Amino acid sequence: MVVDASALVAILRRESNYLWLLDQLKRASPRLMAAPNALELGIVLEARSGPPGTGISQRALRDAQIQVEPFDADLAERALIAWRRFGKGRHPAALTFGDCCTYALAELTGHPILHLGDDFTRTDLQTLQPPPP
């Protein structure tokens, strides 16, 4: 699976449906995240928790055995195409920069995206999203 930063943030903060997300994460192999999304995860956690957030991010990626994939020219092109098709202000999916990076890796690998929110469900890729409460 491709893990979006939103899923890991929800697990770490024990948000609603975090147990469902954690179960999906444990079942999946491989577990992938694009390098820009690993950066996004660190930024979000440090913004919410201060400098220790970066360490939390790194430990979470390691403990969950999420492989951080380099973001090369091919993924950049795929992300740009995702933005053209599904980007914020262009499509109801309203994908952000980080979302486009996640989309690109999922499109390349063919793996579903583990995420929160309904943004990816409005695209053409397979997703894993918690059931409504």
Protein backbone atom coordinates (compact mmCIF):
# COMPACT_ATOMS: atom_id res chain seq x y z
CA MET A 1 0.00 0.00 0.00
CA VAL A 2 0.96 3.63 -0.34
CA VAL A 3 0.59 5.39 3.00
CA ASP A 4 -0.54 9.00 2.95
CA ALA A 5 0.75 11.21 5.76
CA SER A 6 -2.86 11.77 6.91
CA ALA A 7 -3.15 8.10 7.90
CA LEU A 8 0.01 8.10 10.01
CA VAL A 9 -0.90 11.39 11.68
CA ALA A 10 -4.31 9.94 12.59
CA ILE A 11 -2.71 6.79 14.02
CA LEU A 12 -0.15 8.72 16.05
CA ARG A 13 -2.74 11.17 17.38
CA ARG A 14 -5.23 8.36 18.03
CA GLU A 15 -7.89 10.12 16.01
CA SER A 16 -11.19 8.47 15.20
CA ASN A 17 -10.76 5.25 13.23
CA TYR A 18 -7.06 5.02 14.12
CA LEU A 19 -7.48 1.34 15.07
CA TRP A 20 -8.91 0.57 11.64
CA LEU A 21 -6.02 2.41 9.99
CA LEU A 22 -3.50 0.60 12.17
CA ASP A 23 -5.04 -2.77 11.30
CA GLN A 24 -4.84 -2.00 7.57
CA LEU A 25 -1.24 -0.89 7.97
CA LYS A 26 -0.27 -4.09 9.81
CA ARG A 27 -1.84 -6.28 7.10
CA ALA A 28 -0.20 -4.60 4.13
CA SER A 29 3.01 -5.42 2.36
CA PRO A 30 4.76 -3.50 1.02
CA ARG A 31 4.20 -0.23 2.86
CA LEU A 32 5.42 2.71 0.81
CA MET A 33 5.56 6.48 1.19
CA ALA A 34 6.97 9.04 -1.25
CA ALA A 35 9.86 11.10 0.13
CA PRO A 36 7.92 14.41 -0.03
CA ASN A 37 5.19 12.83 2.10
CA ALA A 38 7.74 11.72 4.69
CA LEU A 39 8.83 15.38 4.80
CA GLU A 40 5.19 16.44 5.11
CA LEU A 41 4.71 14.02 8.00
CA GLY A 42 7.72 15.48 9.81
CA ILE A 43 6.52 19.05 9.25
CA VAL A 44 2.99 18.30 10.51
CA LEU A 45 4.20 16.49 13.61
CA GLU A 46 6.84 19.10 14.45
CA ALA A 47 4.31 21.91 13.94
CA ARG A 48 1.97 20.20 16.41
CA SER A 49 4.52 18.82 18.89
CA GLY A 50 7.57 21.03 18.54
CA PRO A 51 11.05 19.68 17.67
CA PRO A 52 10.31 16.21 19.11
CA GLY A 53 7.78 15.78 16.30
CA THR A 54 10.54 15.07 13.80
CA GLY A 55 11.83 12.19 15.90
CA ILE A 56 8.29 10.89 16.29
CA SER A 57 7.93 10.96 12.51
CA GLN A 58 11.17 9.07 11.92
CA ARG A 59 10.33 6.44 14.56
CA ALA A 60 6.83 5.96 13.17
CA LEU A 61 8.17 5.33 9.67
CA ARG A 62 10.77 2.90 11.02
CA ASP A 63 8.44 1.08 13.43
CA ALA A 64 5.72 0.69 10.79
CA GLN A 65 8.35 -0.52 8.32
CA ILE A 66 7.31 2.05 5.75
CA GLN A 67 9.76 2.26 2.89
CA VAL A 68 10.35 5.87 1.86
CA GLU A 69 10.63 5.99 -1.92
CA PRO A 70 12.87 8.54 -3.66
CA PHE A 71 10.97 11.14 -5.65
CA ASP A 72 12.48 11.16 -9.12
CA ALA A 73 11.62 12.88 -12.41
CA ASP A 74 9.07 10.20 -13.34
CA LEU A 75 7.16 10.64 -10.08
CA ALA A 76 7.35 14.42 -10.46
CA GLU A 77 5.77 14.18 -13.91
CA ARG A 78 3.06 11.85 -12.61
CA ALA A 79 2.37 14.24 -9.71
CA LEU A 80 2.04 17.16 -12.13
CA ILE A 81 -0.42 15.18 -14.24
CA ALA A 82 -2.36 14.32 -11.07
CA TRP A 83 -2.54 18.02 -10.22
CA ARG A 84 -3.79 18.83 -13.74
CA ARG A 85 -6.52 16.20 -13.45
CA PHE A 86 -7.45 16.35 -9.76
CA GLY A 87 -5.77 19.41 -8.25
CA LYS A 88 -7.25 21.88 -5.82
CA GLY A 89 -9.28 24.46 -7.75
CA ARG A 90 -9.49 22.14 -10.76
CA HIS A 91 -11.47 19.12 -9.57
CA PRO A 92 -13.67 18.10 -6.60
CA ALA A 93 -10.85 15.83 -5.34
CA ALA A 94 -8.89 19.04 -4.63
CA LEU A 95 -5.53 17.28 -4.33
CA THR A 96 -2.81 19.30 -2.62
CA PHE A 97 0.92 19.14 -3.39
CA GLY A 98 1.39 16.30 -0.90
CA ASP A 99 -1.67 14.47 -2.20
CA CYS A 100 -0.30 14.65 -5.74
CA CYS A 101 2.95 13.05 -4.55
CA THR A 102 1.01 10.22 -2.87
CA TYR A 103 -1.14 9.82 -5.99
CA ALA A 104 1.95 9.59 -8.22
CA LEU A 105 3.51 6.78 -6.18
CA ALA A 106 0.22 4.87 -6.01
CA GLU A 107 -0.31 5.22 -9.74
CA LEU A 108 3.22 4.02 -10.47
CA THR A 109 3.08 1.01 -8.15
CA GLY A 110 -0.58 0.08 -8.54
CA HIS A 111 -0.99 -0.11 -4.76
CA PRO A 112 -4.03 1.34 -2.94
CA ILE A 113 -3.70 4.50 -0.86
CA LEU A 114 -4.28 4.36 2.91
CA HIS A 115 -5.63 7.78 3.88
CA LEU A 116 -8.18 9.89 5.71
CA GLY A 117 -10.63 12.25 4.06
CA ASP A 118 -12.43 11.95 0.75
CA ASP A 119 -9.89 13.55 -1.57
CA PHE A 120 -8.41 10.35 -3.00
CA THR A 121 -11.82 8.67 -3.27
CA ARG A 122 -12.67 11.28 -5.91
CA THR A 123 -9.81 10.13 -8.14
CA ASP A 124 -9.41 7.05 -10.31
CA LEU A 125 -7.16 5.11 -7.91
CA GLN A 126 -7.95 2.36 -5.41
CA THR A 127 -8.08 3.63 -1.83
CA LEU A 128 -8.36 2.30 1.70
CA GLN A 129 -10.42 4.67 3.79
CA PRO A 130 -11.97 4.08 7.21
CA PRO A 131 -15.71 3.41 7.22
CA PRO A 132 -17.89 6.33 8.30
CA PRO A 133 -18.38 6.59 12.08
